[in-house]
Amino acid sequence: MVYDLDGTLVHLNVAWDAVRADVADTYRECGIDPGDRDLWTLFGEARANGLASDVEETMASHEREGARTSRRLPLADALPPESRPVGVCTLNCETAAHVALDVHDLADDVEAVVGRDTVDEHKPHPEPLLAAIDRLGLAPEAVVFVGDSERDEETATAAGTAFEYVSDLTDE
């Protein structure tokens, strides 16, 4: 099993509007008008604008703080037994994932963590999910990816894994 993190195992306490505002400020400080583009569009354009590391650190800072005050979700209590390998593939930065797993005593249950900054691509590209699967020593067709969004479902399809929505596995 490989799980998404935010919205699946935990809820990161991140004010995404504030993240977008801080990223927009990063653009403005470099003389680039962010316009009304959303956070993920700005993130996607950051590399071409020479802002990749600044935007990543701005986002990661908010996520790490949000991980420290995150809320554990019901599916976290139903992780598979130790005999089955478990990974996390998240659009959040890897360090925030580790912080959240530590805060909620899940770190020992998860063998592989891949964040948006772990590999060159991010979800819905299959690379991060395939990296998590590879770290678990599994084949994609032997894995179920559990997530909370269409992006997660697209990632699973692109990687050749089965997919389950967290809402289908819990009452939440």
N, C-alpha and C. Protein backbone atom coordinates (compact mmCIF):
# COMPACT_ATOMS: atom_id res chain seq x y z
N MET A 1 0.84 -1.18 0.00
CA MET A 1 0.00 0.00 0.00
C MET A 1 0.89 1.25 0.00
N VAL A 2 0.49 2.21 -0.81
CA VAL A 2 1.11 3.53 -0.79
C VAL A 2 -0.02 4.53 -0.59
N TYR A 3 0.20 5.46 0.31
CA TYR A 3 -0.82 6.45 0.67
C TYR A 3 -0.37 7.86 0.31
N ASP A 4 -1.33 8.67 -0.08
CA ASP A 4 -1.14 10.10 -0.10
C ASP A 4 -1.05 10.52 1.37
N LEU A 5 -0.58 11.69 1.66
CA LEU A 5 -0.45 12.12 3.05
C LEU A 5 -1.59 13.04 3.48
N ASP A 6 -1.59 14.28 2.99
CA ASP A 6 -2.54 15.29 3.42
C ASP A 6 -3.92 15.00 2.87
N GLY A 7 -4.86 14.80 3.78
CA GLY A 7 -6.22 14.47 3.38
C GLY A 7 -6.47 12.97 3.37
N THR A 8 -5.42 12.20 3.60
CA THR A 8 -5.55 10.74 3.58
C THR A 8 -5.16 10.16 4.94
N LEU A 9 -3.93 10.40 5.38
CA LEU A 9 -3.48 9.92 6.69
C LEU A 9 -3.55 11.01 7.75
N VAL A 10 -3.26 12.24 7.35
CA VAL A 10 -3.31 13.39 8.25
C VAL A 10 -3.90 14.58 7.51
N HIS A 11 -4.24 15.58 8.27
CA HIS A 11 -4.66 16.86 7.68
C HIS A 11 -3.65 17.89 8.12
N LEU A 12 -2.82 18.36 7.18
CA LEU A 12 -1.84 19.39 7.50
C LEU A 12 -2.56 20.71 7.75
N ASN A 13 -2.15 21.39 8.78
CA ASN A 13 -2.75 22.67 9.16
C ASN A 13 -2.05 23.78 8.38
N VAL A 14 -2.38 23.88 7.09
CA VAL A 14 -1.73 24.85 6.20
C VAL A 14 -2.80 25.80 5.65
N ALA A 15 -2.54 27.09 5.78
CA ALA A 15 -3.41 28.10 5.19
C ALA A 15 -2.92 28.32 3.76
N TRP A 16 -3.51 27.60 2.81
CA TRP A 16 -3.01 27.62 1.44
C TRP A 16 -3.13 28.99 0.79
N ASP A 17 -4.10 29.80 1.21
CA ASP A 17 -4.19 31.18 0.69
C ASP A 17 -2.97 31.99 1.12
N ALA A 18 -2.50 31.77 2.33
CA ALA A 18 -1.30 32.45 2.82
C ALA A 18 -0.06 31.97 2.06
N VAL A 19 -0.02 30.67 1.76
CA VAL A 19 1.10 30.13 0.98
C VAL A 19 1.13 30.81 -0.39
N ARG A 20 -0.04 30.89 -1.03
CA ARG A 20 -0.13 31.51 -2.35
C ARG A 20 0.31 32.97 -2.28
N ALA A 21 -0.10 33.68 -1.23
CA ALA A 21 0.29 35.09 -1.07
C ALA A 21 1.80 35.22 -0.90
N ASP A 22 2.40 34.35 -0.12
CA ASP A 22 3.86 34.40 0.08
C ASP A 22 4.61 34.05 -1.21
N VAL A 23 4.10 33.08 -1.96
CA VAL A 23 4.72 32.74 -3.24
C VAL A 23 4.58 33.91 -4.21
N ALA A 24 3.42 34.55 -4.22
CA ALA A 24 3.22 35.73 -5.08
C ALA A 24 4.20 36.83 -4.70
N ASP A 25 4.45 37.01 -3.40
CA ASP A 25 5.43 38.00 -2.96
C ASP A 25 6.82 37.65 -3.47
N THR A 26 7.15 36.38 -3.49
CA THR A 26 8.45 35.94 -4.02
C THR A 26 8.58 36.34 -5.48
N TYR A 27 7.51 36.15 -6.24
CA TYR A 27 7.52 36.56 -7.64
C TYR A 27 7.72 38.07 -7.75
N ARG A 28 6.96 38.84 -6.98
CA ARG A 28 7.04 40.30 -7.04
C ARG A 28 8.44 40.81 -6.68
N GLU A 29 9.06 40.18 -5.66
CA GLU A 29 10.40 40.59 -5.24
C GLU A 29 11.42 40.42 -6.37
N CYS A 30 11.11 39.55 -7.31
CA CYS A 30 11.99 39.32 -8.46
C CYS A 30 11.51 40.06 -9.70
N GLY A 31 10.54 40.95 -9.51
CA GLY A 31 10.06 41.77 -10.62
C GLY A 31 9.13 41.06 -11.57
N ILE A 32 8.49 39.98 -11.10
CA ILE A 32 7.57 39.22 -11.95
C ILE A 32 6.18 39.35 -11.37
N ASP A 33 5.23 39.76 -12.20
CA ASP A 33 3.84 39.90 -11.76
C ASP A 33 3.19 38.52 -11.71
N PRO A 34 2.74 38.08 -10.52
CA PRO A 34 2.09 36.77 -10.42
C PRO A 34 0.66 36.77 -10.94
N GLY A 35 0.12 37.95 -11.18
CA GLY A 35 -1.26 38.05 -11.64
C GLY A 35 -2.18 37.34 -10.67
N ASP A 36 -3.21 36.71 -11.21
CA ASP A 36 -4.16 35.99 -10.36
C ASP A 36 -3.99 34.48 -10.49
N ARG A 37 -2.80 34.06 -10.97
CA ARG A 37 -2.55 32.62 -11.14
C ARG A 37 -2.59 31.93 -9.78
N ASP A 38 -3.11 30.70 -9.76
CA ASP A 38 -3.21 29.96 -8.52
C ASP A 38 -1.84 29.44 -8.08
N LEU A 39 -1.78 28.92 -6.87
CA LEU A 39 -0.52 28.47 -6.27
C LEU A 39 0.18 27.43 -7.14
N TRP A 40 -0.56 26.44 -7.63
CA TRP A 40 0.09 25.35 -8.36
C TRP A 40 0.55 25.80 -9.74
N THR A 41 -0.10 26.80 -10.31
CA THR A 41 0.39 27.37 -11.56
C THR A 41 1.68 28.12 -11.30
N LEU A 42 1.71 28.91 -10.24
CA LEU A 42 2.93 29.63 -9.89
C LEU A 42 4.06 28.65 -9.58
N PHE A 43 3.75 27.59 -8.86
CA PHE A 43 4.76 26.57 -8.57
C PHE A 43 5.29 25.97 -9.87
N GLY A 44 4.37 25.65 -10.78
CA GLY A 44 4.76 25.04 -12.05
C GLY A 44 5.61 25.95 -12.93
N GLU A 45 5.42 27.25 -12.80
CA GLU A 45 6.17 28.23 -13.60
C GLU A 45 7.46 28.69 -12.92
N ALA A 46 7.66 28.30 -11.67
CA ALA A 46 8.79 28.82 -10.89
C ALA A 46 10.14 28.48 -11.52
N ARG A 47 10.30 27.27 -12.01
CA ARG A 47 11.59 26.87 -12.60
C ARG A 47 11.93 27.76 -13.79
N ALA A 48 10.95 27.95 -14.68
CA ALA A 48 11.20 28.77 -15.88
C ALA A 48 11.51 30.22 -15.53
N ASN A 49 11.05 30.66 -14.37
CA ASN A 49 11.29 32.04 -13.93
C ASN A 49 12.50 32.16 -13.00
N GLY A 50 13.24 31.08 -12.82
CA GLY A 50 14.41 31.10 -11.95
C GLY A 50 14.08 31.20 -10.47
N LEU A 51 12.87 30.79 -10.10
CA LEU A 51 12.41 30.91 -8.72
C LEU A 51 12.15 29.57 -8.03
N ALA A 52 12.56 28.49 -8.64
CA ALA A 52 12.20 27.16 -8.13
C ALA A 52 12.60 26.97 -6.67
N SER A 53 13.83 27.25 -6.32
CA SER A 53 14.26 26.99 -4.94
C SER A 53 13.57 27.93 -3.95
N ASP A 54 13.37 29.19 -4.34
CA ASP A 54 12.69 30.14 -3.45
C ASP A 54 11.22 29.75 -3.23
N VAL A 55 10.54 29.39 -4.29
CA VAL A 55 9.14 28.99 -4.18
C VAL A 55 9.02 27.70 -3.38
N GLU A 56 9.90 26.74 -3.65
CA GLU A 56 9.88 25.47 -2.91
C GLU A 56 10.08 25.72 -1.42
N GLU A 57 11.04 26.54 -1.06
CA GLU A 57 11.30 26.79 0.37
C GLU A 57 10.13 27.52 1.02
N THR A 58 9.52 28.44 0.31
CA THR A 58 8.36 29.14 0.85
C THR A 58 7.23 28.15 1.15
N MET A 59 6.95 27.30 0.19
CA MET A 59 5.89 26.31 0.38
C MET A 59 6.25 25.32 1.49
N ALA A 60 7.48 24.83 1.46
CA ALA A 60 7.93 23.83 2.43
C ALA A 60 7.87 24.36 3.85
N SER A 61 8.22 25.63 4.03
CA SER A 61 8.17 26.23 5.36
C SER A 61 6.76 26.19 5.94
N HIS A 62 5.79 26.56 5.14
CA HIS A 62 4.38 26.49 5.58
C HIS A 62 3.98 25.04 5.87
N GLU A 63 4.39 24.14 5.01
CA GLU A 63 4.00 22.73 5.18
C GLU A 63 4.62 22.11 6.42
N ARG A 64 5.89 22.41 6.69
CA ARG A 64 6.53 21.85 7.89
C ARG A 64 5.82 22.34 9.15
N GLU A 65 5.48 23.62 9.17
CA GLU A 65 4.76 24.15 10.32
C GLU A 65 3.37 23.50 10.41
N GLY A 66 2.70 23.36 9.29
CA GLY A 66 1.39 22.72 9.28
C GLY A 66 1.44 21.26 9.69
N ALA A 67 2.56 20.60 9.42
CA ALA A 67 2.73 19.20 9.83
C ALA A 67 2.86 19.08 11.34
N ARG A 68 3.51 20.07 11.95
CA ARG A 68 3.70 20.04 13.40
C ARG A 68 2.38 20.13 14.15
N THR A 69 1.40 20.80 13.55
CA THR A 69 0.10 20.98 14.20
C THR A 69 -1.01 20.22 13.46
N SER A 70 -0.61 19.24 12.68
CA SER A 70 -1.58 18.49 11.86
C SER A 70 -2.49 17.62 12.72
N ARG A 71 -3.56 17.17 12.07
CA ARG A 71 -4.54 16.32 12.73
C ARG A 71 -4.49 14.93 12.09
N ARG A 72 -4.43 13.91 12.91
CA ARG A 72 -4.43 12.52 12.44
C ARG A 72 -5.83 12.16 11.94
N LEU A 73 -5.90 11.50 10.79
CA LEU A 73 -7.17 11.10 10.21
C LEU A 73 -7.43 9.61 10.46
N PRO A 74 -8.69 9.17 10.40
CA PRO A 74 -9.04 7.79 10.76
C PRO A 74 -8.26 6.70 10.01
N LEU A 75 -7.95 6.92 8.75
CA LEU A 75 -7.25 5.87 8.00
C LEU A 75 -5.88 5.56 8.59
N ALA A 76 -5.28 6.52 9.29
CA ALA A 76 -3.98 6.29 9.91
C ALA A 76 -4.04 5.18 10.95
N ASP A 77 -5.22 4.98 11.53
CA ASP A 77 -5.39 3.92 12.53
C ASP A 77 -5.57 2.55 11.89
N ALA A 78 -5.70 2.53 10.58
CA ALA A 78 -5.97 1.27 9.88
C ALA A 78 -4.85 0.89 8.92
N LEU A 79 -3.63 1.39 9.18
CA LEU A 79 -2.52 1.02 8.31
C LEU A 79 -2.35 -0.50 8.33
N PRO A 80 -1.90 -1.07 7.22
CA PRO A 80 -1.72 -2.53 7.16
C PRO A 80 -0.74 -3.01 8.22
N PRO A 81 -0.82 -4.30 8.55
CA PRO A 81 0.11 -4.85 9.53
C PRO A 81 1.56 -4.74 9.05
N GLU A 82 2.49 -4.85 9.98
CA GLU A 82 3.91 -4.70 9.67
C GLU A 82 4.38 -5.65 8.57
N SER A 83 3.67 -6.72 8.36
CA SER A 83 4.09 -7.70 7.35
C SER A 83 3.87 -7.19 5.92
N ARG A 84 3.13 -6.09 5.77
CA ARG A 84 2.89 -5.52 4.45
C ARG A 84 3.60 -4.18 4.35
N PRO A 85 4.38 -3.98 3.28
CA PRO A 85 5.10 -2.72 3.14
C PRO A 85 4.17 -1.54 2.89
N VAL A 86 4.51 -0.40 3.50
CA VAL A 86 3.71 0.81 3.40
C VAL A 86 4.61 1.97 2.97
N GLY A 87 4.10 2.75 2.02
CA GLY A 87 4.81 3.94 1.58
C GLY A 87 3.88 5.13 1.57
N VAL A 88 4.47 6.32 1.46
CA VAL A 88 3.74 7.57 1.31
C VAL A 88 4.28 8.28 0.08
N CYS A 89 3.37 8.74 -0.75
CA CYS A 89 3.68 9.55 -1.92
C CYS A 89 2.82 10.80 -1.82
N THR A 90 3.46 11.94 -1.66
CA THR A 90 2.71 13.16 -1.38
C THR A 90 3.15 14.33 -2.26
N LEU A 91 2.23 15.23 -2.49
CA LEU A 91 2.55 16.47 -3.19
C LEU A 91 3.16 17.49 -2.23
N ASN A 92 3.17 17.18 -0.95
CA ASN A 92 3.85 18.03 0.03
C ASN A 92 5.34 17.73 -0.02
N CYS A 93 6.13 18.59 0.60
CA CYS A 93 7.57 18.34 0.64
C CYS A 93 7.85 17.15 1.54
N GLU A 94 8.96 16.47 1.26
CA GLU A 94 9.29 15.26 2.00
C GLU A 94 9.49 15.52 3.49
N THR A 95 10.13 16.62 3.84
CA THR A 95 10.37 16.87 5.26
C THR A 95 9.06 17.07 6.03
N ALA A 96 8.09 17.72 5.43
CA ALA A 96 6.79 17.88 6.10
C ALA A 96 6.13 16.53 6.31
N ALA A 97 6.27 15.64 5.34
CA ALA A 97 5.71 14.29 5.50
C ALA A 97 6.36 13.59 6.68
N HIS A 98 7.68 13.68 6.79
CA HIS A 98 8.37 13.04 7.91
C HIS A 98 7.95 13.66 9.24
N VAL A 99 7.80 14.98 9.28
CA VAL A 99 7.36 15.64 10.50
C VAL A 99 5.98 15.13 10.90
N ALA A 100 5.04 15.09 9.97
CA ALA A 100 3.68 14.64 10.28
C ALA A 100 3.67 13.18 10.73
N LEU A 101 4.44 12.34 10.06
CA LEU A 101 4.50 10.92 10.45
C LEU A 101 5.07 10.78 11.86
N ASP A 102 6.09 11.58 12.18
CA ASP A 102 6.66 11.55 13.53
C ASP A 102 5.66 12.04 14.57
N VAL A 103 5.01 13.17 14.29
CA VAL A 103 4.05 13.75 15.23
C VAL A 103 2.94 12.76 15.58
N HIS A 104 2.54 11.95 14.61
CA HIS A 104 1.42 11.04 14.82
C HIS A 104 1.85 9.59 15.03
N ASP A 105 3.12 9.39 15.38
CA ASP A 105 3.67 8.06 15.67
C ASP A 105 3.42 7.07 14.55
N LEU A 106 3.58 7.53 13.32
CA LEU A 106 3.39 6.67 12.15
C LEU A 106 4.71 6.36 11.43
N ALA A 107 5.78 7.01 11.83
CA ALA A 107 7.05 6.88 11.12
C ALA A 107 7.53 5.43 11.06
N ASP A 108 7.35 4.68 12.13
CA ASP A 108 7.80 3.28 12.14
C ASP A 108 6.94 2.38 11.25
N ASP A 109 5.76 2.86 10.88
CA ASP A 109 4.85 2.07 10.04
C ASP A 109 5.07 2.30 8.55
N VAL A 110 5.85 3.31 8.21
CA VAL A 110 6.03 3.71 6.81
C VAL A 110 7.49 3.50 6.41
N GLU A 111 7.70 2.69 5.39
CA GLU A 111 9.05 2.35 4.95
C GLU A 111 9.62 3.29 3.90
N ALA A 112 8.76 3.97 3.15
CA ALA A 112 9.24 4.83 2.07
C ALA A 112 8.39 6.09 2.02
N VAL A 113 9.07 7.24 1.90
CA VAL A 113 8.38 8.52 1.77
C VAL A 113 8.96 9.26 0.57
N VAL A 114 8.06 9.67 -0.32
CA VAL A 114 8.46 10.45 -1.49
C VAL A 114 7.58 11.68 -1.55
N GLY A 115 8.22 12.85 -1.51
CA GLY A 115 7.50 14.12 -1.60
C GLY A 115 7.73 14.76 -2.95
N ARG A 116 7.13 15.93 -3.14
CA ARG A 116 7.27 16.60 -4.43
C ARG A 116 8.70 17.01 -4.71
N ASP A 117 9.52 17.14 -3.65
CA ASP A 117 10.90 17.55 -3.81
C ASP A 117 11.89 16.39 -3.78
N THR A 118 11.39 15.17 -3.71
CA THR A 118 12.25 13.99 -3.65
C THR A 118 12.77 13.62 -5.03
N VAL A 119 11.91 13.76 -6.01
CA VAL A 119 12.25 13.42 -7.40
C VAL A 119 11.97 14.64 -8.27
N ASP A 120 12.33 14.56 -9.54
CA ASP A 120 12.21 15.73 -10.43
C ASP A 120 10.77 16.11 -10.76
N GLU A 121 9.89 15.15 -10.83
CA GLU A 121 8.49 15.41 -11.19
C GLU A 121 7.61 15.32 -9.95
N HIS A 122 6.39 15.81 -10.06
CA HIS A 122 5.43 15.67 -8.96
C HIS A 122 4.10 15.21 -9.52
N LYS A 123 3.24 14.71 -8.59
CA LYS A 123 1.93 14.21 -9.00
C LYS A 123 1.20 15.28 -9.80
N PRO A 124 0.52 14.92 -10.87
CA PRO A 124 0.07 13.59 -11.27
C PRO A 124 1.06 12.80 -12.13
N HIS A 125 2.26 13.31 -12.35
CA HIS A 125 3.26 12.52 -13.06
C HIS A 125 3.50 11.24 -12.25
N PRO A 126 3.72 10.11 -12.89
CA PRO A 126 3.88 8.85 -12.15
C PRO A 126 5.21 8.71 -11.41
N GLU A 127 6.22 9.54 -11.73
CA GLU A 127 7.56 9.35 -11.14
C GLU A 127 7.58 9.24 -9.61
N PRO A 128 6.91 10.13 -8.86
CA PRO A 128 6.99 10.00 -7.40
C PRO A 128 6.37 8.72 -6.88
N LEU A 129 5.24 8.32 -7.43
CA LEU A 129 4.62 7.08 -6.98
C LEU A 129 5.49 5.89 -7.35
N LEU A 130 6.05 5.90 -8.54
CA LEU A 130 6.93 4.80 -8.94
C LEU A 130 8.19 4.75 -8.08
N ALA A 131 8.68 5.92 -7.65
CA ALA A 131 9.85 5.95 -6.76
C ALA A 131 9.50 5.33 -5.41
N ALA A 132 8.32 5.64 -4.87
CA ALA A 132 7.90 5.05 -3.60
C ALA A 132 7.77 3.53 -3.74
N ILE A 133 7.17 3.10 -4.83
CA ILE A 133 6.99 1.66 -5.08
C ILE A 133 8.34 0.97 -5.20
N ASP A 134 9.26 1.60 -5.91
CA ASP A 134 10.60 1.03 -6.06
C ASP A 134 11.30 0.91 -4.71
N ARG A 135 11.17 1.91 -3.86
CA ARG A 135 11.79 1.87 -2.53
C ARG A 135 11.21 0.76 -1.66
N LEU A 136 9.97 0.38 -1.96
CA LEU A 136 9.34 -0.74 -1.24
C LEU A 136 9.72 -2.09 -1.84
N GLY A 137 10.37 -2.07 -3.01
CA GLY A 137 10.76 -3.31 -3.68
C GLY A 137 9.59 -4.04 -4.31
N LEU A 138 8.60 -3.29 -4.74
CA LEU A 138 7.39 -3.88 -5.30
C LEU A 138 7.24 -3.52 -6.78
N ALA A 139 6.32 -4.20 -7.44
CA ALA A 139 5.94 -3.88 -8.81
C ALA A 139 4.66 -3.05 -8.76
N PRO A 140 4.50 -2.09 -9.68
CA PRO A 140 3.31 -1.24 -9.66
C PRO A 140 1.99 -2.01 -9.62
N GLU A 141 1.92 -3.09 -10.36
CA GLU A 141 0.66 -3.84 -10.40
C GLU A 141 0.34 -4.55 -9.08
N ALA A 142 1.30 -4.58 -8.15
CA ALA A 142 1.08 -5.21 -6.84
C ALA A 142 0.69 -4.18 -5.77
N VAL A 143 0.52 -2.91 -6.18
CA VAL A 143 0.31 -1.83 -5.22
C VAL A 143 -1.07 -1.21 -5.40
N VAL A 144 -1.64 -0.80 -4.28
CA VAL A 144 -2.84 0.04 -4.27
C VAL A 144 -2.41 1.40 -3.74
N PHE A 145 -2.71 2.45 -4.49
CA PHE A 145 -2.44 3.81 -4.04
C PHE A 145 -3.74 4.37 -3.49
N VAL A 146 -3.70 4.89 -2.27
CA VAL A 146 -4.88 5.43 -1.61
C VAL A 146 -4.71 6.94 -1.51
N GLY A 147 -5.70 7.68 -1.99
CA GLY A 147 -5.62 9.13 -1.96
C GLY A 147 -6.98 9.77 -1.84
N ASP A 148 -6.96 11.10 -1.89
CA ASP A 148 -8.20 11.85 -1.67
C ASP A 148 -8.57 12.77 -2.83
N SER A 149 -7.86 12.66 -3.95
CA SER A 149 -8.12 13.63 -5.03
C SER A 149 -8.06 12.98 -6.41
N GLU A 150 -8.60 13.70 -7.37
CA GLU A 150 -8.50 13.24 -8.76
C GLU A 150 -7.05 13.18 -9.19
N ARG A 151 -6.23 14.11 -8.69
CA ARG A 151 -4.80 14.10 -9.01
C ARG A 151 -4.17 12.78 -8.56
N ASP A 152 -4.57 12.30 -7.37
CA ASP A 152 -4.05 11.01 -6.88
C ASP A 152 -4.49 9.87 -7.78
N GLU A 153 -5.74 9.91 -8.21
CA GLU A 153 -6.25 8.87 -9.11
C GLU A 153 -5.50 8.91 -10.44
N GLU A 154 -5.26 10.10 -10.97
CA GLU A 154 -4.50 10.24 -12.22
C GLU A 154 -3.08 9.70 -12.06
N THR A 155 -2.49 9.95 -10.91
CA THR A 155 -1.14 9.45 -10.62
C THR A 155 -1.12 7.94 -10.63
N ALA A 156 -2.07 7.33 -9.97
CA ALA A 156 -2.15 5.86 -9.92
C ALA A 156 -2.32 5.28 -11.32
N THR A 157 -3.21 5.87 -12.09
CA THR A 157 -3.43 5.38 -13.46
C THR A 157 -2.16 5.48 -14.28
N ALA A 158 -1.48 6.62 -14.19
CA ALA A 158 -0.25 6.82 -14.95
C ALA A 158 0.85 5.85 -14.52
N ALA A 159 0.86 5.47 -13.23
CA ALA A 159 1.89 4.57 -12.71
C ALA A 159 1.53 3.10 -12.89
N GLY A 160 0.30 2.80 -13.28
CA GLY A 160 -0.12 1.41 -13.47
C GLY A 160 -0.47 0.69 -12.18
N THR A 161 -0.95 1.45 -11.18
CA THR A 161 -1.36 0.83 -9.92
C THR A 161 -2.88 0.90 -9.79
N ALA A 162 -3.39 0.10 -8.86
CA ALA A 162 -4.80 0.22 -8.49
C ALA A 162 -4.95 1.49 -7.65
N PHE A 163 -6.18 1.97 -7.52
CA PHE A 163 -6.43 3.18 -6.75
C PHE A 163 -7.69 3.04 -5.93
N GLU A 164 -7.64 3.59 -4.72
CA GLU A 164 -8.81 3.68 -3.84
C GLU A 164 -8.90 5.08 -3.28
N TYR A 165 -10.11 5.64 -3.28
CA TYR A 165 -10.33 6.91 -2.59
C TYR A 165 -10.42 6.66 -1.10
N VAL A 166 -9.79 7.51 -0.29
CA VAL A 166 -9.83 7.38 1.15
C VAL A 166 -11.28 7.37 1.63
N SER A 167 -12.15 8.13 0.99
CA SER A 167 -13.55 8.19 1.41
C SER A 167 -14.26 6.85 1.24
N ASP A 168 -13.75 6.00 0.36
CA ASP A 168 -14.34 4.67 0.19
C ASP A 168 -13.88 3.71 1.28
N LEU A 169 -12.83 4.09 2.01
CA LEU A 169 -12.24 3.20 3.03
C LEU A 169 -12.58 3.64 4.45
N THR A 170 -13.12 4.85 4.62
CA THR A 170 -13.44 5.38 5.94
C THR A 170 -14.81 6.04 5.91
N ASP A 171 -15.25 6.44 7.06
CA ASP A 171 -16.52 7.17 7.17
C ASP A 171 -16.32 8.66 6.97
N GLU A 172 -15.07 9.10 6.86
CA GLU A 172 -14.78 10.54 6.74
C GLU A 172 -14.96 11.01 5.33
